[in-house]
N, C-alpha and C. Protein backbone atom coordinates (compact mmCIF):
# COMPACT_ATOMS: atom_id res chain seq x y z
N UNK A 1 -37.51 75.29 -45.94
CA UNK A 1 -37.12 73.92 -46.78
C UNK A 1 -35.69 73.46 -46.48
N UNK A 2 -34.79 74.75 -46.30
CA UNK A 2 -33.42 74.28 -46.18
C UNK A 2 -33.20 73.36 -44.64
N UNK A 3 -34.32 73.87 -43.70
CA UNK A 3 -33.93 73.63 -42.47
C UNK A 3 -34.54 72.19 -42.02
N UNK A 4 -35.24 71.79 -43.14
CA UNK A 4 -35.65 70.44 -42.83
C UNK A 4 -34.82 69.24 -42.79
N UNK A 5 -33.90 69.17 -43.56
CA UNK A 5 -32.63 68.12 -43.57
C UNK A 5 -31.90 68.25 -42.24
N UNK A 6 -31.61 69.43 -41.87
CA UNK A 6 -31.18 69.60 -40.63
C UNK A 6 -31.98 69.22 -39.32
N UNK A 7 -33.09 69.29 -39.56
CA UNK A 7 -34.07 68.95 -38.37
C UNK A 7 -34.37 67.11 -38.49
N UNK A 8 -34.19 66.79 -39.56
CA UNK A 8 -34.32 65.27 -39.81
C UNK A 8 -33.16 64.96 -39.04
N UNK A 9 -31.67 65.35 -38.99
CA UNK A 9 -30.43 64.97 -38.75
C UNK A 9 -30.59 64.90 -37.20
N UNK A 10 -31.21 66.00 -36.75
CA UNK A 10 -31.40 66.18 -35.28
C UNK A 10 -32.11 65.13 -34.52
N UNK A 11 -33.31 65.07 -35.33
CA UNK A 11 -34.20 63.83 -34.96
C UNK A 11 -33.54 62.60 -34.70
N UNK A 12 -32.73 62.24 -35.82
CA UNK A 12 -32.13 60.94 -35.86
C UNK A 12 -31.05 60.74 -35.15
N UNK A 13 -30.55 61.67 -34.62
CA UNK A 13 -29.15 61.65 -33.62
C UNK A 13 -30.12 61.64 -32.31
N UNK A 14 -31.00 62.19 -31.98
CA UNK A 14 -31.73 62.22 -31.03
C UNK A 14 -32.36 60.48 -30.60
N UNK A 15 -32.57 59.87 -31.80
CA UNK A 15 -33.18 58.77 -31.52
C UNK A 15 -32.02 57.62 -31.23
N UNK A 16 -30.92 57.73 -32.00
CA UNK A 16 -29.58 57.09 -31.75
C UNK A 16 -29.11 57.01 -30.18
N UNK A 17 -29.34 58.34 -29.69
CA UNK A 17 -28.71 58.41 -28.38
C UNK A 17 -29.70 57.86 -27.42
N UNK A 18 -31.01 57.90 -27.83
CA UNK A 18 -31.86 57.20 -26.68
C UNK A 18 -32.10 55.58 -26.87
N UNK A 19 -31.84 55.19 -28.17
CA UNK A 19 -31.41 53.92 -28.42
C UNK A 19 -30.44 53.10 -27.74
N UNK A 20 -29.34 53.79 -27.52
CA UNK A 20 -27.81 53.43 -27.00
C UNK A 20 -28.30 53.42 -25.26
N UNK A 21 -29.05 54.24 -24.99
CA UNK A 21 -29.38 54.15 -23.40
C UNK A 21 -30.12 53.03 -23.18
N UNK A 22 -30.61 52.28 -23.79
CA UNK A 22 -31.35 51.05 -23.55
C UNK A 22 -30.51 49.89 -23.32
N UNK A 23 -29.28 50.16 -24.16
CA UNK A 23 -28.29 48.76 -23.99
C UNK A 23 -27.49 48.78 -22.54
N UNK A 24 -27.04 47.39 -22.64
CA UNK A 24 -26.56 47.19 -21.39
C UNK A 24 -24.85 47.72 -21.59
N UNK A 25 -24.23 47.82 -20.86
CA UNK A 25 -22.85 48.22 -20.80
C UNK A 25 -21.96 47.50 -21.38
N UNK A 26 -22.48 46.08 -21.33
CA UNK A 26 -21.60 45.07 -22.07
C UNK A 26 -21.63 45.22 -23.45
N UNK A 27 -22.92 45.55 -23.97
CA UNK A 27 -22.92 45.74 -25.20
C UNK A 27 -22.12 46.73 -25.99
N UNK A 28 -22.28 48.14 -25.31
CA UNK A 28 -21.40 48.95 -25.58
C UNK A 28 -20.14 49.04 -25.51
N UNK A 29 -19.44 48.31 -24.35
CA UNK A 29 -18.16 48.18 -24.27
C UNK A 29 -17.40 46.91 -25.40
N UNK A 30 -18.44 46.18 -25.70
CA UNK A 30 -18.00 45.03 -26.70
C UNK A 30 -17.55 43.77 -25.77
N UNK A 31 -17.86 43.85 -24.53
CA UNK A 31 -17.08 42.78 -23.59
C UNK A 31 -17.98 41.54 -23.67
N UNK A 32 -17.36 40.54 -23.96
CA UNK A 32 -18.28 39.07 -23.62
C UNK A 32 -18.10 38.43 -22.31
N UNK A 33 -17.69 39.30 -21.41
CA UNK A 33 -17.79 38.71 -19.97
C UNK A 33 -18.85 38.87 -19.32
N UNK A 34 -19.74 37.94 -19.86
CA UNK A 34 -21.08 37.92 -18.82
C UNK A 34 -21.46 36.52 -18.16
N UNK A 35 -22.14 36.47 -17.37
CA UNK A 35 -22.56 35.25 -16.67
C UNK A 35 -22.99 34.38 -17.79
N UNK A 36 -23.88 34.57 -18.58
CA UNK A 36 -24.24 33.75 -19.64
C UNK A 36 -23.09 33.18 -20.47
N UNK A 37 -22.17 33.92 -20.66
CA UNK A 37 -21.14 33.27 -21.85
C UNK A 37 -20.11 32.55 -20.61
N UNK A 38 -19.95 32.96 -19.49
CA UNK A 38 -19.06 32.31 -18.66
C UNK A 38 -19.57 30.69 -18.43
N UNK A 39 -20.90 30.66 -18.16
CA UNK A 39 -21.45 29.41 -18.04
C UNK A 39 -21.37 28.55 -19.31
N UNK A 40 -21.15 28.95 -20.28
CA UNK A 40 -21.31 28.22 -21.61
C UNK A 40 -20.02 27.43 -21.72
N UNK A 41 -18.54 27.91 -20.90
CA UNK A 41 -17.40 27.22 -20.94
C UNK A 41 -17.37 25.92 -19.93
N UNK A 42 -17.12 25.03 -20.47
CA UNK A 42 -17.24 23.54 -19.90
C UNK A 42 -16.09 23.17 -19.89
N UNK A 43 -15.61 22.11 -18.94
CA UNK A 43 -14.21 21.19 -18.95
C UNK A 43 -14.14 20.46 -20.23
N UNK A 44 -12.94 20.58 -20.45
CA UNK A 44 -12.33 20.01 -22.06
C UNK A 44 -12.55 20.80 -23.02
N UNK A 45 -13.21 21.94 -23.10
CA UNK A 45 -13.14 22.79 -24.13
C UNK A 45 -11.77 23.30 -24.56
N UNK A 46 -11.44 23.69 -26.04
CA UNK A 46 -10.32 24.06 -26.43
C UNK A 46 -10.15 25.41 -26.28
N UNK A 47 -8.83 26.06 -26.30
CA UNK A 47 -8.68 27.42 -26.22
C UNK A 47 -9.55 28.30 -27.19
N UNK A 48 -9.59 27.60 -28.48
CA UNK A 48 -10.35 28.33 -29.47
C UNK A 48 -11.72 28.17 -29.25
N UNK A 49 -12.28 27.13 -28.78
CA UNK A 49 -13.91 27.25 -28.31
C UNK A 49 -14.00 28.26 -27.18
N UNK A 50 -13.20 28.53 -25.92
CA UNK A 50 -13.38 29.35 -24.95
C UNK A 50 -13.10 30.84 -25.90
N UNK A 51 -12.00 31.12 -26.64
CA UNK A 51 -12.14 32.51 -27.18
C UNK A 51 -12.95 32.92 -27.86
N UNK A 52 -14.00 31.90 -28.69
CA UNK A 52 -15.00 32.06 -29.46
C UNK A 52 -16.20 32.65 -28.49
N UNK A 53 -16.48 32.21 -27.30
CA UNK A 53 -17.37 32.54 -26.41
C UNK A 53 -16.97 33.71 -25.75
N UNK A 54 -15.84 33.86 -25.22
CA UNK A 54 -15.52 35.08 -24.45
C UNK A 54 -14.64 36.18 -24.91
N UNK A 55 -14.28 35.73 -26.32
CA UNK A 55 -13.26 36.92 -26.95
C UNK A 55 -11.75 36.47 -26.54
N UNK A 56 -10.89 37.28 -26.83
CA UNK A 56 -9.58 37.08 -26.56
C UNK A 56 -9.23 37.54 -25.07
N UNK A 57 -8.39 36.93 -24.31
CA UNK A 57 -8.42 37.02 -23.28
C UNK A 57 -7.58 38.51 -22.65
N UNK A 58 -7.80 38.96 -21.40
CA UNK A 58 -6.92 40.33 -20.96
C UNK A 58 -5.65 39.81 -20.93
N UNK A 59 -5.31 38.61 -20.28
CA UNK A 59 -3.78 38.12 -20.29
C UNK A 59 -3.87 36.74 -20.29
N UNK A 60 -2.71 36.36 -20.61
CA UNK A 60 -2.44 34.62 -20.89
C UNK A 60 -1.12 34.54 -20.03
N UNK A 61 -0.99 33.35 -19.31
CA UNK A 61 0.38 32.84 -18.62
C UNK A 61 0.39 31.61 -18.76
N UNK A 62 1.58 31.34 -19.46
CA UNK A 62 1.70 29.61 -19.43
C UNK A 62 3.05 29.07 -19.19
N UNK A 63 2.83 27.84 -18.42
CA UNK A 63 3.97 27.23 -17.68
C UNK A 63 3.92 25.83 -18.10
N UNK A 64 5.14 25.25 -18.72
CA UNK A 64 5.52 23.85 -19.01
C UNK A 64 5.71 23.13 -17.71
N UNK A 65 5.11 22.41 -17.27
CA UNK A 65 5.20 21.32 -16.00
C UNK A 65 5.91 20.23 -16.60
N UNK A 66 6.37 19.41 -15.94
CA UNK A 66 7.22 18.11 -16.30
C UNK A 66 6.34 17.35 -17.45
N UNK A 67 5.08 17.03 -16.88
CA UNK A 67 4.33 16.07 -17.67
C UNK A 67 3.10 16.69 -18.41
N UNK A 68 2.99 17.99 -18.08
CA UNK A 68 1.88 18.81 -18.59
C UNK A 68 2.03 20.18 -19.17
N UNK A 69 1.33 21.05 -19.66
CA UNK A 69 1.58 22.46 -20.04
C UNK A 69 0.29 23.08 -19.32
N UNK A 70 0.51 24.10 -18.50
CA UNK A 70 -0.76 24.73 -18.20
C UNK A 70 -0.71 26.12 -18.61
N UNK A 71 -2.07 26.70 -19.13
CA UNK A 71 -2.00 28.10 -19.50
C UNK A 71 -3.24 28.57 -18.98
N UNK A 72 -3.20 29.65 -18.43
CA UNK A 72 -4.10 30.60 -17.82
C UNK A 72 -4.87 31.78 -18.47
N UNK A 73 -5.91 31.83 -18.76
CA UNK A 73 -6.63 32.86 -19.76
C UNK A 73 -7.22 33.60 -18.32
N UNK A 74 -7.12 34.80 -18.33
CA UNK A 74 -7.48 36.06 -17.63
C UNK A 74 -8.33 36.89 -18.09
N UNK A 75 -9.57 37.18 -17.75
CA UNK A 75 -10.54 38.12 -18.54
C UNK A 75 -10.78 38.99 -17.60
N UNK A 76 -10.86 40.55 -17.68
CA UNK A 76 -11.02 41.54 -16.95
C UNK A 76 -12.13 42.50 -17.82
N UNK A 77 -12.90 42.89 -17.05
CA UNK A 77 -13.81 44.08 -17.14
C UNK A 77 -14.23 44.81 -16.32
N UNK A 78 -13.60 45.73 -15.96
CA UNK A 78 -13.77 46.74 -14.66
C UNK A 78 -13.31 45.51 -13.63
N UNK A 79 -14.48 45.76 -12.75
CA UNK A 79 -14.16 44.81 -11.43
C UNK A 79 -14.39 43.48 -11.84
N UNK A 80 -14.97 43.10 -12.88
CA UNK A 80 -15.57 41.41 -13.25
C UNK A 80 -14.14 40.82 -13.64
N UNK A 81 -13.94 39.66 -13.27
CA UNK A 81 -12.66 38.88 -13.58
C UNK A 81 -13.33 37.45 -13.80
N UNK A 82 -12.65 36.71 -14.93
CA UNK A 82 -12.98 35.47 -14.95
C UNK A 82 -11.71 34.91 -15.27
N UNK A 83 -11.33 33.74 -14.63
CA UNK A 83 -9.84 33.01 -14.71
C UNK A 83 -10.16 31.58 -15.40
N UNK A 84 -9.65 31.16 -16.64
CA UNK A 84 -10.15 29.79 -17.26
C UNK A 84 -8.56 29.17 -17.17
N UNK A 85 -8.38 28.05 -16.67
CA UNK A 85 -7.22 27.14 -16.70
C UNK A 85 -7.20 26.02 -17.44
N UNK A 86 -6.30 25.99 -18.40
CA UNK A 86 -5.98 24.53 -19.25
C UNK A 86 -5.20 24.02 -18.94
N UNK A 87 -5.15 22.76 -18.92
CA UNK A 87 -4.29 21.82 -19.09
C UNK A 87 -4.29 21.05 -20.26
N UNK A 88 -3.12 20.87 -20.58
CA UNK A 88 -2.74 20.40 -22.06
C UNK A 88 -3.74 21.03 -23.10
N UNK A 89 -3.91 22.19 -22.99
CA UNK A 89 -4.92 23.06 -23.86
C UNK A 89 -6.16 22.45 -24.12
N UNK A 90 -6.73 21.98 -22.74
CA UNK A 90 -8.27 22.08 -22.52
C UNK A 90 -8.57 22.38 -21.51
N UNK A 91 -9.63 22.90 -21.25
CA UNK A 91 -10.13 23.57 -19.91
C UNK A 91 -10.25 22.67 -18.87
N UNK A 92 -9.51 22.84 -17.73
CA UNK A 92 -9.11 22.00 -16.61
C UNK A 92 -9.96 22.51 -15.21
N UNK A 93 -10.06 24.01 -15.26
CA UNK A 93 -10.89 24.66 -14.11
C UNK A 93 -11.12 26.15 -14.45
N UNK A 94 -12.20 26.71 -14.01
CA UNK A 94 -12.54 27.96 -14.22
C UNK A 94 -12.92 28.61 -12.85
N UNK A 95 -13.01 30.24 -12.80
CA UNK A 95 -13.29 30.94 -11.46
C UNK A 95 -13.82 32.17 -12.14
N UNK A 96 -14.68 32.75 -11.12
CA UNK A 96 -15.01 34.11 -11.52
C UNK A 96 -15.54 34.94 -10.23
N UNK A 97 -15.98 36.18 -10.60
CA UNK A 97 -16.45 36.87 -9.45
C UNK A 97 -17.77 37.62 -10.07
N UNK A 98 -18.37 36.96 -11.35
CA UNK A 98 -19.59 37.44 -11.86
C UNK A 98 -20.52 36.86 -11.10
N UNK A 99 -21.58 37.96 -10.57
CA UNK A 99 -22.67 37.36 -9.92
C UNK A 99 -22.38 37.83 -8.33
N UNK A 100 -20.77 37.80 -8.31
CA UNK A 100 -20.52 37.98 -6.57
C UNK A 100 -20.18 39.97 -6.45
N UNK A 101 -20.04 40.43 -7.82
CA UNK A 101 -19.21 41.81 -7.76
C UNK A 101 -20.33 42.64 -6.88
N UNK A 102 -19.99 43.63 -6.23
CA UNK A 102 -20.91 44.69 -5.50
C UNK A 102 -21.80 45.40 -6.18
């Protein structure tokens, strides 16, 4: 009878490990950098809207040009990347290698 709780614990642990094996790497790493999420980002979106979809960027670069402010969000996950450029805090352009990585 003493071994029954240990056996149940081992069975549960095996079940959890097998369940995680079926998950995608994105789900395990917590990365939101997927083609589906990238495609949701559209011109004119705010920084907050983009962060809701893709999460916080890996790096941010901001430049004040004479008549507008340019901010670039870079997202990286291994070899995958996405670059979202904002003009006056609205999405102006985007680029990625999602779907093109080897």
